[in-house]
N, C-alpha and C. Protein backbone atom coordinates (compact mmCIF):
# COMPACT_ATOMS: atom_id res chain seq x y z
N UNK A 1 0.72 -1.29 0.01
CA UNK A 1 -0.12 0.19 -0.29
C UNK A 1 0.89 1.30 -0.17
N UNK A 2 2.12 0.79 1.33
CA UNK A 2 2.82 2.32 1.04
C UNK A 2 3.72 2.64 -0.33
N UNK A 3 3.82 1.49 -0.68
CA UNK A 3 4.56 1.81 -2.75
C UNK A 3 3.66 1.90 -2.95
N UNK A 4 2.57 2.24 -3.51
CA UNK A 4 0.66 2.43 -4.04
C UNK A 4 0.85 3.29 -4.23
N UNK A 5 1.13 4.35 -3.05
CA UNK A 5 0.82 5.85 -3.56
C UNK A 5 1.77 6.28 -2.63
N UNK A 6 3.13 5.74 -2.33
CA UNK A 6 4.61 6.42 -3.28
C UNK A 6 4.00 6.46 -4.68
N UNK A 7 3.77 5.87 -5.78
CA UNK A 7 4.15 5.85 -6.85
C UNK A 7 2.77 6.97 -7.65
N UNK A 8 1.88 7.26 -6.60
CA UNK A 8 0.42 7.96 -7.08
C UNK A 8 1.06 9.44 -6.73
N UNK A 9 1.32 9.79 -5.77
CA UNK A 9 1.74 10.70 -5.19
C UNK A 9 3.03 11.36 -6.16
N UNK A 10 4.37 11.31 -6.80
CA UNK A 10 5.03 10.99 -7.89
C UNK A 10 4.40 11.08 -9.03
N UNK A 11 2.98 10.75 -9.82
CA UNK A 11 2.54 11.39 -10.77
C UNK A 11 1.83 12.00 -10.97
N UNK A 12 1.31 12.03 -9.11
CA UNK A 12 0.73 13.13 -9.12
C UNK A 12 1.37 14.42 -9.25
N UNK A 13 2.61 14.38 -8.60
CA UNK A 13 3.94 15.43 -9.17
C UNK A 13 4.28 15.96 -10.45
N UNK A 14 4.37 14.92 -11.17
CA UNK A 14 5.20 15.00 -12.52
C UNK A 14 3.61 15.92 -13.07
N UNK A 15 2.02 14.77 -13.05
CA UNK A 15 0.60 16.27 -13.55
C UNK A 15 0.96 17.51 -13.30
N UNK A 16 2.03 17.62 -11.97
CA UNK A 16 1.20 19.36 -11.81
C UNK A 16 2.17 19.68 -12.09
N UNK A 17 3.29 19.36 -13.05
CA UNK A 17 4.47 20.11 -12.90
C UNK A 17 3.96 20.70 -14.75
N UNK A 18 4.23 19.28 -14.57
CA UNK A 18 3.59 19.58 -16.09
C UNK A 18 2.16 20.70 -16.85
N UNK A 19 1.48 20.91 -15.83
CA UNK A 19 -0.16 21.44 -15.92
C UNK A 19 0.34 22.82 -15.93
N UNK A 20 1.86 23.30 -14.29
CA UNK A 20 2.47 24.65 -14.27
C UNK A 20 3.12 25.09 -15.66
N UNK A 21 4.12 23.88 -16.55
CA UNK A 21 4.67 24.42 -17.36
C UNK A 21 3.64 24.83 -18.59
N UNK A 22 2.72 23.93 -18.54
CA UNK A 22 1.69 24.48 -19.36
C UNK A 22 1.24 26.00 -19.81
N UNK A 23 0.73 26.24 -17.95
CA UNK A 23 -0.05 27.65 -17.80
C UNK A 23 1.13 29.08 -17.77
N UNK A 24 2.61 28.07 -17.66
CA UNK A 24 3.36 29.53 -18.20
C UNK A 24 3.66 29.21 -20.18
N UNK A 25 3.56 28.23 -20.86
CA UNK A 25 3.48 28.67 -21.66
C UNK A 25 2.42 29.60 -22.89
N UNK A 26 1.37 28.95 -22.22
CA UNK A 26 0.29 29.45 -22.55
C UNK A 26 -0.01 30.77 -22.11
N UNK A 27 0.50 31.21 -21.10
CA UNK A 27 0.83 32.86 -21.06
C UNK A 27 1.58 34.10 -21.96
N UNK A 28 2.74 33.19 -22.65
CA UNK A 28 3.59 33.87 -22.57
C UNK A 28 3.15 34.13 -24.90
N UNK A 29 2.21 33.17 -25.36
CA UNK A 29 1.81 32.76 -25.68
C UNK A 29 0.69 34.45 -26.05
N UNK A 30 -0.45 34.64 -24.74
CA UNK A 30 -0.43 35.51 -25.41
C UNK A 30 -0.08 37.10 -25.09
N UNK A 31 1.12 36.01 -24.68
CA UNK A 31 1.08 38.36 -24.08
C UNK A 31 2.49 38.12 -25.93
N UNK A 32 2.61 37.10 -26.53
CA UNK A 32 3.26 37.08 -27.95
C UNK A 32 2.80 38.14 -29.29
N UNK A 33 3.42 38.73 -30.02
CA UNK A 33 2.64 39.48 -31.92
C UNK A 33 2.77 38.06 -32.83
N UNK A 34 1.21 38.11 -33.10
CA UNK A 34 0.20 36.75 -33.55
C UNK A 34 1.97 36.73 -35.23
N UNK A 35 2.12 35.73 -36.25
CA UNK A 35 2.59 35.87 -36.80
C UNK A 35 2.02 36.67 -37.54
N UNK A 36 2.47 37.68 -38.57
CA UNK A 36 2.02 38.68 -39.67
C UNK A 36 1.92 39.95 -39.49
N UNK A 37 1.30 39.70 -37.85
CA UNK A 37 0.90 41.23 -37.06
C UNK A 37 1.77 42.89 -36.66
N UNK A 38 1.44 43.19 -36.44
CA UNK A 38 2.03 44.27 -36.28
C UNK A 38 1.85 44.93 -34.93
N UNK A 39 2.60 44.79 -33.85
CA UNK A 39 2.42 46.30 -32.72
C UNK A 39 3.99 47.21 -32.05
N UNK A 40 2.88 47.80 -31.74
CA UNK A 40 3.71 49.02 -31.72
C UNK A 40 3.36 49.72 -30.41
N UNK A 41 5.09 50.14 -30.22
CA UNK A 41 5.04 50.38 -29.11
C UNK A 41 4.77 51.84 -28.70
N UNK A 42 4.04 52.51 -29.72
CA UNK A 42 2.97 53.57 -28.96
C UNK A 42 2.59 53.36 -28.09
N UNK A 43 1.33 53.11 -28.28
CA UNK A 43 0.32 52.82 -27.41
C UNK A 43 1.17 53.38 -25.37
N UNK A 44 1.92 53.01 -25.61
CA UNK A 44 2.56 53.28 -24.28
C UNK A 44 2.60 55.52 -24.03
N UNK A 45 2.48 55.78 -25.34
CA UNK A 45 2.37 57.26 -24.33
C UNK A 45 1.07 57.89 -24.55
N UNK A 46 0.27 56.83 -24.02
CA UNK A 46 -1.16 56.59 -23.78
C UNK A 46 -1.31 57.35 -22.07
N UNK A 47 -0.05 56.99 -21.46
CA UNK A 47 -0.22 57.78 -20.00
C UNK A 47 0.37 58.79 -20.01
N UNK A 48 1.06 59.48 -20.57
CA UNK A 48 1.37 60.42 -21.18
C UNK A 48 0.87 61.93 -20.68
N UNK A 49 1.86 62.83 -20.20
CA UNK A 49 0.81 64.47 -19.99
C UNK A 49 0.30 64.17 -21.97
N UNK A 50 -0.62 64.88 -22.77
CA UNK A 50 -0.50 65.97 -23.72
C UNK A 50 -0.04 67.29 -24.51
N UNK A 51 0.10 67.62 -22.76
CA UNK A 51 0.73 69.08 -23.45
C UNK A 51 2.76 68.31 -24.06
N UNK A 52 2.68 68.40 -22.64
CA UNK A 52 4.52 67.87 -23.19
C UNK A 52 4.56 66.99 -24.35
N UNK A 53 3.91 65.62 -24.58
CA UNK A 53 3.49 64.81 -26.29
C UNK A 53 3.44 66.37 -28.14
N UNK A 54 2.62 66.92 -27.64
CA UNK A 54 2.86 68.36 -28.29
C UNK A 54 3.76 69.55 -28.32
N UNK A 55 4.19 69.47 -27.79
CA UNK A 55 5.31 70.26 -26.94
C UNK A 55 6.84 69.50 -27.81
N UNK A 56 6.42 67.90 -27.19
CA UNK A 56 7.77 67.21 -28.44
C UNK A 56 7.46 67.10 -29.44
N UNK A 57 6.14 66.94 -30.09
CA UNK A 57 5.81 67.32 -32.02
C UNK A 57 6.05 68.51 -32.22
N UNK A 58 5.08 69.46 -31.58
CA UNK A 58 5.66 70.65 -32.42
C UNK A 58 4.97 70.88 -33.41
N UNK A 59 4.38 70.47 -33.56
CA UNK A 59 3.07 70.16 -35.20
C UNK A 59 2.81 71.98 -34.87
N UNK A 60 2.37 72.62 -36.63
CA UNK A 60 2.26 74.05 -36.89
C UNK A 60 0.07 73.88 -36.12
N UNK A 61 0.43 74.83 -36.50
CA UNK A 61 -1.52 75.41 -35.66
C UNK A 61 -2.08 75.05 -36.45
N UNK A 62 -3.36 75.04 -36.27
CA UNK A 62 -4.65 74.88 -37.03
C UNK A 62 -4.73 76.02 -38.29
N UNK A 63 -4.59 76.87 -38.14
CA UNK A 63 -4.75 77.92 -38.72
C UNK A 63 -6.77 77.85 -39.71
N UNK A 64 -7.10 78.67 -39.00
CA UNK A 64 -8.02 78.69 -39.72
C UNK A 64 -9.10 80.45 -40.47
N UNK A 65 -9.35 80.30 -42.02
CA UNK A 65 -9.76 81.20 -43.09
C UNK A 65 -10.48 82.15 -41.80
N UNK A 66 -10.16 83.29 -42.33
CA UNK A 66 -11.26 84.71 -42.06
C UNK A 66 -13.15 84.52 -42.66
N UNK A 67 -12.51 84.19 -43.57
CA UNK A 67 -13.82 83.75 -44.64
C UNK A 67 -13.24 82.37 -45.32
N UNK A 68 -14.64 82.60 -45.95
CA UNK A 68 -14.65 81.02 -46.76
C UNK A 68 -15.21 80.35 -46.51
N UNK A 69 -16.38 79.93 -46.57
CA UNK A 69 -16.96 78.23 -46.46
C UNK A 69 -15.84 76.74 -46.42
N UNK A 70 -15.39 76.60 -47.10
CA UNK A 70 -14.66 75.87 -47.38
C UNK A 70 -15.19 75.02 -47.13
N UNK A 71 -14.43 73.38 -47.85
CA UNK A 71 -15.90 72.27 -48.47
C UNK A 71 -16.83 71.97 -48.22
N UNK A 72 -17.98 71.66 -48.24
CA UNK A 72 -19.28 71.79 -48.39
C UNK A 72 -19.42 70.18 -47.94
N UNK A 73 -18.51 69.61 -48.15
CA UNK A 73 -18.89 68.17 -47.50
C UNK A 73 -18.61 68.22 -45.62
N UNK A 74 -17.33 70.28 -45.58
CA UNK A 74 -17.12 69.16 -44.20
C UNK A 74 -17.84 70.66 -43.06
N UNK A 75 -18.49 71.22 -43.95
CA UNK A 75 -19.12 72.44 -42.91
C UNK A 75 -19.84 71.47 -42.35
N UNK A 76 -20.03 71.89 -40.61
CA UNK A 76 -20.19 71.72 -39.65
C UNK A 76 -19.59 70.54 -39.14
N UNK A 77 -18.07 69.43 -39.71
CA UNK A 77 -17.78 68.97 -38.82
C UNK A 77 -16.56 69.57 -38.44
N UNK A 78 -17.22 69.44 -37.17
CA UNK A 78 -15.72 69.99 -35.76
C UNK A 78 -14.96 69.20 -34.77
N UNK A 79 -13.93 68.80 -35.30
CA UNK A 79 -12.67 68.35 -34.42
C UNK A 79 -11.00 68.96 -34.04
N UNK A 80 -10.80 68.44 -33.04
CA UNK A 80 -9.92 69.14 -31.86
C UNK A 80 -7.68 69.11 -33.20
N UNK A 81 -7.65 70.08 -32.94
CA UNK A 81 -6.41 70.33 -33.85
C UNK A 81 -4.99 69.87 -33.08
N UNK A 82 -4.28 68.54 -33.49
CA UNK A 82 -3.64 68.34 -32.83
C UNK A 82 -2.11 68.90 -32.21
N UNK A 83 -1.96 70.10 -32.09
CA UNK A 83 -1.32 71.36 -31.70
C UNK A 83 -1.46 71.30 -30.60
N UNK A 84 -2.37 71.99 -30.25
CA UNK A 84 -2.96 71.96 -28.79
C UNK A 84 -4.26 71.80 -28.29
N UNK A 85 -5.23 71.12 -28.97
CA UNK A 85 -6.11 70.22 -28.60
C UNK A 85 -7.37 70.84 -28.61
N UNK A 86 -6.98 72.11 -29.26
CA UNK A 86 -8.36 73.53 -28.89
C UNK A 86 -8.86 72.27 -30.17
N UNK A 87 -11.03 73.46 -30.36
CA UNK A 87 -11.32 72.63 -31.16
C UNK A 87 -11.59 73.33 -32.63
N UNK A 88 -10.99 72.51 -33.44
CA UNK A 88 -11.34 73.80 -35.06
C UNK A 88 -12.43 72.97 -36.57
N UNK A 89 -13.26 74.31 -36.92
CA UNK A 89 -14.17 74.37 -37.36
C UNK A 89 -12.86 73.56 -39.04
N UNK A 90 -12.63 72.02 -39.29
CA UNK A 90 -12.71 71.70 -40.58
C UNK A 90 -12.48 73.05 -42.39
N UNK A 91 -13.87 72.81 -41.96
CA UNK A 91 -14.54 73.12 -42.98
C UNK A 91 -14.05 74.49 -43.85
N UNK A 92 -14.07 75.68 -41.99
CA UNK A 92 -12.76 76.72 -42.65
C UNK A 92 -11.11 76.57 -42.39
N UNK A 93 -10.68 75.89 -41.63
CA UNK A 93 -9.62 75.44 -41.89
C UNK A 93 -8.84 75.50 -43.31
N UNK A 94 -9.68 75.08 -43.96
CA UNK A 94 -8.81 74.05 -45.82
C UNK A 94 -9.73 75.13 -46.58
N UNK A 95 -10.79 76.49 -46.37
CA UNK A 95 -11.75 77.42 -47.19
C UNK A 95 -10.24 78.04 -48.10
N UNK A 96 -10.29 78.05 -49.44
CA UNK A 96 -9.56 78.79 -49.55
C UNK A 96 -8.23 77.60 -50.54
N UNK A 97 -7.56 76.28 -50.49
CA UNK A 97 -6.48 76.13 -49.81
C UNK A 97 -6.84 74.99 -51.74
N UNK A 98 -5.65 74.87 -52.47
CA UNK A 98 -5.34 73.12 -52.67
C UNK A 98 -5.25 72.12 -51.88
N UNK A 99 -5.39 71.17 -51.15
CA UNK A 99 -5.11 70.50 -50.10
C UNK A 99 -5.22 69.05 -50.28
N UNK A 100 -4.02 68.24 -50.00
CA UNK A 100 -3.77 67.16 -50.04
C UNK A 100 -4.57 66.36 -48.74
N UNK A 101 -4.96 65.58 -48.49
CA UNK A 101 -6.19 65.36 -46.94
C UNK A 101 -5.39 64.34 -46.35
N UNK A 102 -4.16 63.68 -45.56
CA UNK A 102 -4.32 62.20 -45.81
C UNK A 102 -4.76 61.92 -44.31
N UNK A 103 -5.46 60.82 -43.92
CA UNK A 103 -6.01 60.00 -43.16
C UNK A 103 -5.30 59.12 -42.61
N UNK A 104 -4.77 59.05 -41.32
CA UNK A 104 -4.21 57.90 -41.06
C UNK A 104 -4.21 56.83 -39.03
N UNK A 105 -3.86 56.49 -38.67
CA UNK A 105 -3.73 56.18 -37.27
C UNK A 105 -1.42 56.15 -36.86
N UNK A 106 -1.49 55.22 -36.02
CA UNK A 106 -0.32 54.83 -35.00
C UNK A 106 -0.26 53.69 -35.77
N UNK A 107 -0.95 53.24 -35.72
CA UNK A 107 -0.78 51.41 -35.77
C UNK A 107 -0.82 51.00 -36.53
N UNK A 108 -0.88 51.94 -38.03
CA UNK A 108 -1.08 51.11 -39.38
C UNK A 108 0.53 51.30 -39.65
N UNK A 109 1.49 50.94 -40.58
CA UNK A 109 2.85 50.35 -40.16
C UNK A 109 2.45 51.74 -42.23
N UNK A 110 1.76 50.99 -43.38
CA UNK A 110 2.09 51.88 -44.28
C UNK A 110 1.52 53.26 -43.76
N UNK A 111 0.86 53.83 -42.84
CA UNK A 111 1.24 55.51 -42.18
C UNK A 111 2.40 56.03 -42.91
N UNK A 112 3.15 55.16 -41.33
CA UNK A 112 4.07 55.90 -40.13
C UNK A 112 5.59 55.45 -41.18
N UNK A 113 4.73 54.25 -42.65
CA UNK A 113 6.25 54.80 -44.15
C UNK A 113 5.35 55.84 -45.03
N UNK A 114 4.21 56.52 -44.52
CA UNK A 114 4.36 57.50 -46.21
C UNK A 114 4.63 58.37 -45.42
N UNK A 115 3.93 59.03 -44.37
CA UNK A 115 4.09 60.95 -43.05
C UNK A 115 5.59 61.13 -44.12
N UNK A 116 6.70 60.18 -43.89
CA UNK A 116 7.84 61.19 -43.78
C UNK A 116 7.90 62.03 -45.54
N UNK A 117 6.79 60.93 -46.10
CA UNK A 117 7.37 61.19 -48.29
C UNK A 117 6.50 62.69 -47.67
N UNK A 118 4.75 62.38 -47.36
CA UNK A 118 4.86 63.55 -47.15
C UNK A 118 4.39 65.09 -46.83
N UNK A 119 5.83 64.76 -44.96
CA UNK A 119 6.08 65.72 -45.83
C UNK A 119 7.66 66.42 -46.37
N UNK A 120 7.90 65.63 -47.29
CA UNK A 120 8.68 66.33 -47.96
C UNK A 120 7.91 66.81 -48.84
N UNK A 121 6.90 66.33 -49.22
CA UNK A 121 5.76 66.65 -50.09
C UNK A 121 5.90 67.96 -50.28
N UNK A 122 5.88 68.62 -48.65
CA UNK A 122 5.16 69.71 -48.31
C UNK A 122 6.00 70.64 -48.79
N UNK A 123 7.36 70.64 -48.41
CA UNK A 123 8.61 70.98 -48.34
C UNK A 123 8.64 70.80 -50.42
N UNK A 124 8.78 70.41 -50.57
CA UNK A 124 8.95 70.51 -52.25
C UNK A 124 7.98 71.36 -52.85
N UNK A 125 6.69 71.17 -52.69
CA UNK A 125 5.95 72.34 -53.37
C UNK A 125 5.25 73.70 -52.34
N UNK A 126 6.05 73.70 -52.02
CA UNK A 126 5.67 74.54 -50.78
C UNK A 126 4.06 75.53 -50.71
N UNK A 127 4.04 76.60 -50.65
CA UNK A 127 2.84 77.39 -50.76
C UNK A 127 1.69 77.53 -51.43
N UNK A 128 1.32 76.86 -52.88
CA UNK A 128 1.36 75.93 -53.09
C UNK A 128 -0.41 75.20 -53.11
N UNK A 129 0.09 74.23 -52.51
CA UNK A 129 -1.39 73.30 -51.71
C UNK A 129 -0.42 72.90 -50.29
N UNK A 130 -1.22 72.42 -49.23
CA UNK A 130 -1.30 72.07 -48.33
C UNK A 130 -1.28 70.64 -47.58
N UNK A 131 -0.99 70.91 -47.14
CA UNK A 131 -0.58 69.26 -46.42
C UNK A 131 -1.66 68.71 -45.10
N UNK A 132 -2.08 68.38 -44.95
CA UNK A 132 -2.96 68.11 -43.85
C UNK A 132 -3.11 66.38 -43.40
N UNK A 133 -2.54 66.87 -41.90
CA UNK A 133 -3.26 64.63 -41.79
C UNK A 133 -4.54 64.99 -40.70
N UNK A 134 -4.73 63.38 -40.71
CA UNK A 134 -6.18 63.14 -39.48
C UNK A 134 -5.30 62.34 -38.25
N UNK A 135 -5.02 61.56 -37.92
CA UNK A 135 -5.63 61.29 -36.91
C UNK A 135 -6.55 60.57 -36.64
N UNK A 136 -6.75 58.92 -37.16
CA UNK A 136 -7.98 58.79 -36.84
C UNK A 136 -8.12 57.34 -35.85
N UNK A 137 -7.28 57.47 -34.47
CA UNK A 137 -7.98 56.80 -33.77
C UNK A 137 -7.66 57.44 -32.86
N UNK A 138 -8.44 57.24 -31.31
CA UNK A 138 -9.22 58.25 -29.69
C UNK A 138 -7.53 57.87 -29.08
N UNK A 139 -6.66 57.14 -29.19
CA UNK A 139 -5.44 56.86 -28.81
C UNK A 139 -4.23 58.38 -29.25
N UNK A 140 -5.29 59.70 -28.51
CA UNK A 140 -4.00 60.85 -29.27
C UNK A 140 -2.95 60.41 -29.43
N UNK A 141 -2.35 60.45 -27.76
CA UNK A 141 -0.85 59.68 -27.49
C UNK A 141 -0.03 59.34 -28.57
N UNK A 142 -0.48 58.18 -28.34
CA UNK A 142 0.49 58.01 -29.18
C UNK A 142 0.42 58.36 -31.32
N UNK A 143 -0.44 59.32 -31.13
CA UNK A 143 -0.35 59.45 -32.91
C UNK A 143 0.78 60.59 -32.29
N UNK A 144 0.43 61.42 -31.46
CA UNK A 144 1.55 62.75 -31.60
C UNK A 144 2.86 61.81 -31.13
N UNK A 145 3.21 61.34 -29.99
CA UNK A 145 4.82 60.08 -29.98
C UNK A 145 4.92 60.07 -30.96
N UNK A 146 3.96 59.19 -32.37
CA UNK A 146 4.18 58.61 -33.65
C UNK A 146 5.25 60.19 -34.56
N UNK A 147 4.14 60.95 -34.69
CA UNK A 147 4.70 61.97 -35.50
C UNK A 147 5.91 62.58 -34.90
N UNK A 148 5.65 62.68 -33.59
CA UNK A 148 7.93 62.92 -32.48
C UNK A 148 9.53 62.86 -33.08
N UNK A 149 8.57 61.23 -33.43
CA UNK A 149 9.58 60.41 -33.46
C UNK A 149 10.45 60.21 -34.92
N UNK A 150 9.40 60.63 -35.97
CA UNK A 150 9.48 60.66 -37.49
C UNK A 150 9.51 61.95 -37.51
N UNK A 151 9.68 62.91 -36.17
CA UNK A 151 10.06 64.63 -36.83
C UNK A 151 8.74 64.63 -38.73
N UNK A 152 7.92 64.42 -38.50
CA UNK A 152 6.88 65.05 -39.20
C UNK A 152 6.20 65.81 -38.23
N UNK A 153 6.68 67.21 -39.17
CA UNK A 153 5.47 68.83 -38.78
C UNK A 153 4.25 69.52 -40.17
N UNK A 154 4.13 68.68 -40.01
CA UNK A 154 2.50 68.78 -41.08
C UNK A 154 1.07 69.60 -40.06
N UNK A 155 0.35 70.18 -40.69
CA UNK A 155 -0.49 70.93 -40.08
C UNK A 155 -1.63 69.10 -39.32
N UNK A 156 -1.58 69.11 -38.24
CA UNK A 156 -3.33 67.78 -37.62
C UNK A 156 -3.99 67.65 -37.43
N UNK A 157 -5.17 67.12 -37.70
CA UNK A 157 -6.07 67.30 -36.69
C UNK A 157 -6.67 65.45 -36.30
N UNK A 158 -6.91 66.19 -34.65
CA UNK A 158 -6.87 64.63 -33.72
C UNK A 158 -8.93 64.06 -34.00
N UNK A 159 -9.08 62.99 -34.93
CA UNK A 159 -10.14 62.87 -35.67
C UNK A 159 -10.00 61.31 -35.39
N UNK A 160 -10.37 60.88 -34.01
CA UNK A 160 -10.62 59.18 -33.99
C UNK A 160 -12.56 58.90 -33.64
N UNK A 161 -13.28 59.92 -33.91
CA UNK A 161 -14.44 59.05 -34.44
C UNK A 161 -14.41 59.16 -36.43
N UNK A 162 -13.35 59.40 -37.11
CA UNK A 162 -13.38 59.55 -38.08
C UNK A 162 -14.49 60.19 -38.79
N UNK A 163 -15.35 61.49 -38.29
CA UNK A 163 -16.04 62.12 -38.59
C UNK A 163 -15.17 62.90 -39.71
N UNK A 164 -13.74 63.43 -40.41
CA UNK A 164 -13.85 64.16 -41.25
C UNK A 164 -14.20 62.52 -42.66
N UNK A 165 -13.93 61.58 -42.49
CA UNK A 165 -14.02 60.79 -43.80
C UNK A 165 -15.21 60.34 -43.56
N UNK A 166 -15.99 60.30 -43.10
CA UNK A 166 -17.67 60.27 -43.50
C UNK A 166 -18.21 61.14 -43.65
N UNK A 167 -18.08 61.97 -43.72
CA UNK A 167 -18.36 62.73 -44.51
C UNK A 167 -17.95 63.49 -45.71
N UNK A 168 -16.55 63.15 -46.02
CA UNK A 168 -15.94 62.88 -47.04
C UNK A 168 -16.48 61.23 -48.11
N UNK A 169 -16.66 60.06 -47.31
CA UNK A 169 -16.95 59.35 -47.73
C UNK A 169 -15.74 58.78 -47.83
N UNK A 170 -15.00 58.87 -47.23
CA UNK A 170 -13.30 57.86 -47.83
C UNK A 170 -13.95 56.54 -47.33
N UNK A 171 -12.97 55.67 -47.94
CA UNK A 171 -13.43 54.10 -47.48
C UNK A 171 -12.59 53.46 -46.12
N UNK A 172 -13.28 52.65 -45.44
CA UNK A 172 -12.54 52.12 -44.72
C UNK A 172 -11.08 51.60 -44.54
N UNK A 173 -10.13 52.45 -44.99
CA UNK A 173 -8.78 51.87 -45.28
C UNK A 173 -7.87 52.60 -44.98
N UNK A 174 -7.12 52.51 -44.33
CA UNK A 174 -5.08 52.79 -43.60
C UNK A 174 -4.43 53.26 -44.98
N UNK A 175 -3.80 53.57 -44.63
CA UNK A 175 -3.85 54.98 -45.31
C UNK A 175 -4.46 56.04 -45.95
N UNK A 176 -5.48 56.78 -46.61
CA UNK A 176 -6.25 57.38 -47.42
C UNK A 176 -5.94 58.54 -47.87
N UNK A 177 -5.58 59.10 -48.81
CA UNK A 177 -5.50 60.30 -49.50
C UNK A 177 -6.55 61.19 -50.04
N UNK A 178 -6.98 62.21 -48.99
CA UNK A 178 -7.95 63.02 -50.07
C UNK A 178 -7.53 64.63 -51.44
N UNK A 179 -7.74 64.07 -52.52
CA UNK A 179 -6.96 65.75 -52.82
C UNK A 179 -8.11 67.07 -52.99
N UNK A 180 -8.34 68.05 -52.32
CA UNK A 180 -8.77 69.00 -52.31
C UNK A 180 -9.12 69.93 -53.67
N UNK A 181 -9.52 70.65 -54.12
CA UNK A 181 -9.08 72.30 -55.07
C UNK A 181 -9.81 72.78 -53.91
N UNK A 182 -9.34 74.22 -54.67
CA UNK A 182 -9.15 75.83 -54.08
C UNK A 182 -10.48 75.50 -53.65
N UNK A 183 -11.24 75.04 -54.25
CA UNK A 183 -13.02 75.95 -54.39
C UNK A 183 -13.86 74.44 -53.41
N UNK A 184 -12.91 74.04 -52.73
CA UNK A 184 -13.21 72.41 -51.92
C UNK A 184 -14.10 71.56 -52.80
N UNK A 185 -14.36 71.50 -54.06
CA UNK A 185 -14.62 70.22 -54.21
C UNK A 185 -13.55 69.33 -54.26
N UNK A 186 -14.49 68.09 -53.71
CA UNK A 186 -12.77 66.98 -53.76
C UNK A 186 -12.73 66.72 -55.35
N UNK A 187 -11.56 66.66 -55.55
CA UNK A 187 -11.19 66.53 -57.49
C UNK A 187 -10.85 64.50 -56.77
N UNK A 188 -9.81 63.79 -55.29
CA UNK A 188 -9.70 62.84 -55.68
C UNK A 188 -9.82 61.70 -54.13
N UNK A 189 -10.10 60.73 -54.26
CA UNK A 189 -10.14 59.68 -53.24
C UNK A 189 -8.90 59.04 -53.87
N UNK A 190 -7.77 58.66 -52.53
CA UNK A 190 -7.64 57.84 -52.75
C UNK A 190 -7.10 56.39 -51.63
N UNK A 191 -7.85 55.80 -51.50
CA UNK A 191 -7.33 54.66 -50.90
C UNK A 191 -6.14 53.86 -51.08
N UNK A 192 -5.22 54.69 -50.72
CA UNK A 192 -3.67 53.64 -50.80
C UNK A 192 -3.21 54.49 -50.65
N UNK A 193 -2.14 53.26 -50.21
CA UNK A 193 -0.37 54.25 -49.77
C UNK A 193 0.99 54.68 -50.85
N UNK A 194 1.17 55.84 -50.49
CA UNK A 194 2.50 56.49 -51.31
C UNK A 194 3.84 55.92 -50.97
N UNK A 195 4.82 55.51 -51.48
CA UNK A 195 6.49 55.39 -51.82
C UNK A 195 6.41 56.44 -51.43
N UNK A 196 6.86 57.28 -51.84
CA UNK A 196 7.69 57.72 -53.16
C UNK A 196 7.32 59.04 -52.79
N UNK A 197 7.99 60.86 -51.93
CA UNK A 197 7.58 61.65 -52.98
C UNK A 197 6.48 62.00 -54.81
N UNK A 198 7.42 61.22 -55.59
CA UNK A 198 7.29 61.84 -56.57
C UNK A 198 5.92 60.74 -57.22
N UNK A 199 5.30 60.06 -56.27
CA UNK A 199 4.47 59.08 -56.79
C UNK A 199 3.00 60.42 -55.64
N UNK A 200 3.19 61.08 -54.51
CA UNK A 200 2.22 62.06 -54.36
C UNK A 200 2.49 63.37 -55.06
N UNK A 201 3.23 63.37 -55.85
CA UNK A 201 3.19 64.85 -56.22
C UNK A 201 2.07 64.80 -57.92
N UNK A 202 2.33 62.83 -58.50
CA UNK A 202 2.44 62.42 -59.83
C UNK A 202 0.08 62.34 -59.19
N UNK A 203 -0.03 62.16 -58.11
CA UNK A 203 -0.89 61.96 -57.72
C UNK A 203 -2.06 63.57 -57.85
N UNK A 204 -1.43 64.14 -57.12
CA UNK A 204 -1.86 65.28 -57.05
C UNK A 204 -2.17 66.73 -58.20
N UNK A 205 -1.12 66.22 -58.98
CA UNK A 205 -0.68 66.17 -60.42
C UNK A 205 -2.00 66.58 -61.04
N UNK A 206 -2.46 65.22 -61.01
CA UNK A 206 -3.37 63.93 -61.86
C UNK A 206 -4.86 64.77 -61.94
N UNK A 207 -5.14 65.80 -60.58
CA UNK A 207 -5.88 65.91 -60.60
C UNK A 207 -6.39 67.40 -60.88
N UNK A 208 -5.27 68.05 -61.36
CA UNK A 208 -5.79 68.87 -62.83
C UNK A 208 -6.04 69.07 -63.91
N UNK A 209 -5.86 67.85 -64.37
CA UNK A 209 -5.68 67.51 -66.25
C UNK A 209 -7.85 67.53 -65.88
N UNK A 210 -7.92 67.65 -67.09
CA UNK A 210 -9.64 67.99 -67.24
C UNK A 210 -10.53 67.05 -67.93
């Protein structure tokens, strides 16, 4: 009986060790990144002070035109300006401008790759066109942290509820770019990423074609 009890205890001990090892392995699996997915460290910034992140990002203000109605589709659309967190009338901000409006999110890898090209395009294009980006995720801190990391300093709207995209009827994909004519009309909707400045320039210039 004693020998049988000893074997039983030994078997139970081995079983307990196997179960413990399985639990540990399962915990590791739940924290690992799934194959093909793209994790970002940006969400860590969510607990940081937004004012500190805004200073670090150093974004230009969202200037509003003193007159001009702006794009009809965007009238009555108000979101936050990422530079200071203040509400901005999107239509009045874009009034009278040729605009390249880029819709993105911090967790989107193609967006991350595209943003520096957009900044360089703005530098080359000069005042004849205005590039404005729209961060479409509620995690404003992560968006600011990414812009600061990339050194991309473009006028940026914080629009976690996708009000701008909905008003312009942009497909639910990111990145996406909308080309707006100076009269506020939508020239093109481009639900695709751009790899180079040249690709962006070609897309913007195409809107001028008859």
